[in-house]
Amino acid sequence: MEPLLIRPIKAAEALDVSRSKLYEMIASGELPSIKVGGSVRVSVDGLRAWVDGKRAEKQGGATPLPGQRP
């Protein structure tokens, strides 16, 4: 089973950014995170959604559905 939440260092590795940059993104609210006790975790689904959102921004709008033209 794939984990639902990952540690920030794993999220940073997945995005190929530094740990400090990832914490900046979390602190600013740019990247969603979840507190579990005293620990910060990043949702795998939230991380994918964030990446998809950034990709859509770069394309100038919403991501087209399969079979639709951009």
N, C-alpha and C. Protein backbone atom coordinates (compact mmCIF):
# COMPACT_ATOMS: atom_id res chain seq x y z
N MET A 1 0.84 -1.18 0.00
CA MET A 1 0.00 0.00 0.00
C MET A 1 0.89 1.24 0.00
N GLU A 2 0.55 2.18 -0.85
CA GLU A 2 1.29 3.45 -0.92
C GLU A 2 0.92 4.30 0.29
N PRO A 3 1.91 4.98 0.90
CA PRO A 3 1.59 5.83 2.05
C PRO A 3 0.70 7.00 1.64
N LEU A 4 -0.16 7.41 2.57
CA LEU A 4 -1.03 8.56 2.34
C LEU A 4 -0.32 9.86 2.67
N LEU A 5 0.56 9.81 3.68
CA LEU A 5 1.31 10.98 4.13
C LEU A 5 2.79 10.66 4.08
N ILE A 6 3.58 11.67 3.73
CA ILE A 6 5.04 11.50 3.73
C ILE A 6 5.69 12.63 4.51
N ARG A 7 6.90 12.37 4.94
CA ARG A 7 7.67 13.38 5.66
C ARG A 7 8.13 14.47 4.69
N PRO A 8 8.33 15.66 5.22
CA PRO A 8 8.76 16.76 4.34
C PRO A 8 10.02 16.47 3.53
N ILE A 9 10.97 15.76 4.11
CA ILE A 9 12.20 15.47 3.37
C ILE A 9 11.91 14.61 2.13
N LYS A 10 10.97 13.67 2.26
CA LYS A 10 10.58 12.84 1.11
C LYS A 10 9.83 13.68 0.07
N ALA A 11 9.00 14.60 0.53
CA ALA A 11 8.28 15.49 -0.39
C ALA A 11 9.29 16.38 -1.13
N ALA A 12 10.30 16.88 -0.40
CA ALA A 12 11.33 17.71 -1.02
C ALA A 12 12.08 16.91 -2.10
N GLU A 13 12.40 15.67 -1.79
CA GLU A 13 13.07 14.82 -2.77
C GLU A 13 12.19 14.60 -4.00
N ALA A 14 10.90 14.37 -3.77
CA ALA A 14 9.97 14.14 -4.88
C ALA A 14 9.87 15.35 -5.79
N LEU A 15 9.94 16.55 -5.20
CA LEU A 15 9.86 17.79 -5.98
C LEU A 15 11.22 18.27 -6.47
N ASP A 16 12.29 17.61 -5.99
CA ASP A 16 13.66 18.01 -6.32
C ASP A 16 13.95 19.45 -5.88
N VAL A 17 13.52 19.75 -4.65
CA VAL A 17 13.84 21.05 -4.03
C VAL A 17 14.51 20.77 -2.69
N SER A 18 15.13 21.79 -2.13
CA SER A 18 15.78 21.62 -0.83
C SER A 18 14.75 21.49 0.29
N ARG A 19 15.19 20.94 1.39
CA ARG A 19 14.32 20.81 2.54
C ARG A 19 13.85 22.18 3.01
N SER A 20 14.76 23.14 3.03
CA SER A 20 14.38 24.48 3.50
C SER A 20 13.37 25.13 2.55
N LYS A 21 13.51 24.92 1.25
CA LYS A 21 12.55 25.46 0.28
C LYS A 21 11.18 24.83 0.51
N LEU A 22 11.14 23.52 0.78
CA LEU A 22 9.86 22.87 1.02
C LEU A 22 9.21 23.44 2.26
N TYR A 23 9.97 23.66 3.33
CA TYR A 23 9.40 24.24 4.53
C TYR A 23 8.90 25.66 4.29
N GLU A 24 9.59 26.42 3.43
CA GLU A 24 9.10 27.75 3.04
C GLU A 24 7.74 27.64 2.36
N MET A 25 7.62 26.67 1.46
CA MET A 25 6.38 26.47 0.73
C MET A 25 5.24 26.08 1.67
N ILE A 26 5.55 25.28 2.67
CA ILE A 26 4.55 24.89 3.67
C ILE A 26 4.16 26.09 4.52
N ALA A 27 5.16 26.84 4.99
CA ALA A 27 4.91 27.99 5.86
C ALA A 27 4.08 29.06 5.16
N SER A 28 4.30 29.25 3.87
CA SER A 28 3.56 30.27 3.12
C SER A 28 2.15 29.81 2.75
N GLY A 29 1.88 28.52 2.91
CA GLY A 29 0.58 27.99 2.53
C GLY A 29 0.52 27.56 1.07
N GLU A 30 1.63 27.70 0.36
CA GLU A 30 1.66 27.31 -1.06
C GLU A 30 1.46 25.81 -1.22
N LEU A 31 2.05 25.05 -0.30
CA LEU A 31 1.95 23.59 -0.34
C LEU A 31 1.19 23.13 0.89
N PRO A 32 0.10 22.40 0.72
CA PRO A 32 -0.68 21.97 1.88
C PRO A 32 0.08 20.94 2.72
N SER A 33 -0.13 21.00 4.02
CA SER A 33 0.49 20.05 4.93
C SER A 33 -0.48 19.70 6.04
N ILE A 34 -0.15 18.66 6.78
CA ILE A 34 -0.97 18.18 7.87
C ILE A 34 -0.09 17.99 9.09
N LYS A 35 -0.57 18.43 10.25
CA LYS A 35 0.14 18.19 11.49
C LYS A 35 -0.37 16.89 12.10
N VAL A 36 0.53 16.00 12.44
CA VAL A 36 0.20 14.75 13.12
C VAL A 36 0.99 14.79 14.42
N GLY A 37 0.28 15.12 15.51
CA GLY A 37 1.00 15.35 16.76
C GLY A 37 1.89 16.55 16.58
N GLY A 38 3.18 16.39 16.84
CA GLY A 38 4.13 17.48 16.65
C GLY A 38 4.85 17.43 15.33
N SER A 39 4.46 16.50 14.46
CA SER A 39 5.15 16.30 13.19
C SER A 39 4.36 16.86 12.02
N VAL A 40 5.07 17.33 11.03
CA VAL A 40 4.45 17.83 9.80
C VAL A 40 4.53 16.73 8.76
N ARG A 41 3.44 16.51 8.06
CA ARG A 41 3.40 15.55 6.98
C ARG A 41 2.75 16.20 5.77
N VAL A 42 3.09 15.68 4.60
CA VAL A 42 2.53 16.16 3.35
C VAL A 42 1.72 15.02 2.75
N SER A 43 0.50 15.33 2.35
CA SER A 43 -0.36 14.34 1.72
C SER A 43 0.16 14.04 0.32
N VAL A 44 0.26 12.76 -0.01
CA VAL A 44 0.69 12.37 -1.35
C VAL A 44 -0.30 12.90 -2.38
N ASP A 45 -1.60 12.77 -2.10
CA ASP A 45 -2.62 13.29 -3.02
C ASP A 45 -2.53 14.81 -3.14
N GLY A 46 -2.27 15.49 -2.01
CA GLY A 46 -2.12 16.94 -2.03
C GLY A 46 -0.91 17.37 -2.84
N LEU A 47 0.16 16.61 -2.72
CA LEU A 47 1.38 16.90 -3.48
C LEU A 47 1.12 16.75 -4.98
N ARG A 48 0.43 15.69 -5.35
CA ARG A 48 0.09 15.48 -6.77
C ARG A 48 -0.82 16.60 -7.27
N ALA A 49 -1.79 16.98 -6.46
CA ALA A 49 -2.71 18.05 -6.85
C ALA A 49 -1.96 19.37 -7.03
N TRP A 50 -1.01 19.64 -6.15
CA TRP A 50 -0.21 20.86 -6.24
C TRP A 50 0.58 20.87 -7.55
N VAL A 51 1.21 19.74 -7.88
CA VAL A 51 1.99 19.64 -9.11
C VAL A 51 1.06 19.82 -10.32
N ASP A 52 -0.09 19.16 -10.30
CA ASP A 52 -1.05 19.30 -11.40
C ASP A 52 -1.51 20.75 -11.55
N GLY A 53 -1.72 21.44 -10.43
CA GLY A 53 -2.12 22.84 -10.46
C GLY A 53 -1.05 23.72 -11.08
N LYS A 54 0.19 23.46 -10.71
CA LYS A 54 1.31 24.23 -11.29
C LYS A 54 1.44 23.96 -12.78
N ARG A 55 1.22 22.72 -13.17
CA ARG A 55 1.28 22.37 -14.59
C ARG A 55 0.18 23.10 -15.35
N ALA A 56 -1.01 23.14 -14.78
CA ALA A 56 -2.14 23.83 -15.42
C ALA A 56 -1.87 25.33 -15.53
N GLU A 57 -1.27 25.92 -14.50
CA GLU A 57 -0.91 27.35 -14.55
C GLU A 57 0.03 27.62 -15.70
N LYS A 58 1.01 26.74 -15.86
CA LYS A 58 2.01 26.92 -16.91
C LYS A 58 1.37 26.80 -18.29
N GLN A 59 0.35 25.95 -18.40
CA GLN A 59 -0.34 25.76 -19.67
C GLN A 59 -1.35 26.86 -19.93
N GLY A 60 -1.57 27.72 -18.94
CA GLY A 60 -2.46 28.84 -19.12
C GLY A 60 -3.91 28.55 -18.85
N GLY A 61 -4.17 27.57 -18.04
CA GLY A 61 -5.56 27.27 -17.71
C GLY A 61 -5.69 25.87 -17.15
N ALA A 62 -6.88 25.40 -17.20
CA ALA A 62 -7.17 24.08 -16.65
C ALA A 62 -6.56 22.99 -17.53
N THR A 63 -6.26 21.88 -16.91
CA THR A 63 -5.74 20.74 -17.63
C THR A 63 -6.86 20.14 -18.48
N PRO A 64 -6.62 19.96 -19.78
CA PRO A 64 -7.69 19.43 -20.63
C PRO A 64 -7.98 17.98 -20.28
N LEU A 65 -9.23 17.59 -20.47
CA LEU A 65 -9.62 16.21 -20.25
C LEU A 65 -9.12 15.38 -21.43
N PRO A 66 -8.95 14.06 -21.22
CA PRO A 66 -8.52 13.22 -22.34
C PRO A 66 -9.46 13.38 -23.53
N GLY A 67 -8.90 13.52 -24.70
CA GLY A 67 -9.71 13.68 -25.90
C GLY A 67 -10.02 15.13 -26.24
N GLN A 68 -9.74 16.06 -25.32
CA GLN A 68 -9.97 17.49 -25.58
C GLN A 68 -8.66 18.13 -26.03
N ARG A 69 -8.81 19.14 -26.84
CA ARG A 69 -7.63 19.89 -27.24
C ARG A 69 -7.32 20.94 -26.19
N PRO A 70 -6.01 21.19 -25.95
CA PRO A 70 -5.63 22.22 -24.95
C PRO A 70 -6.03 23.61 -25.36
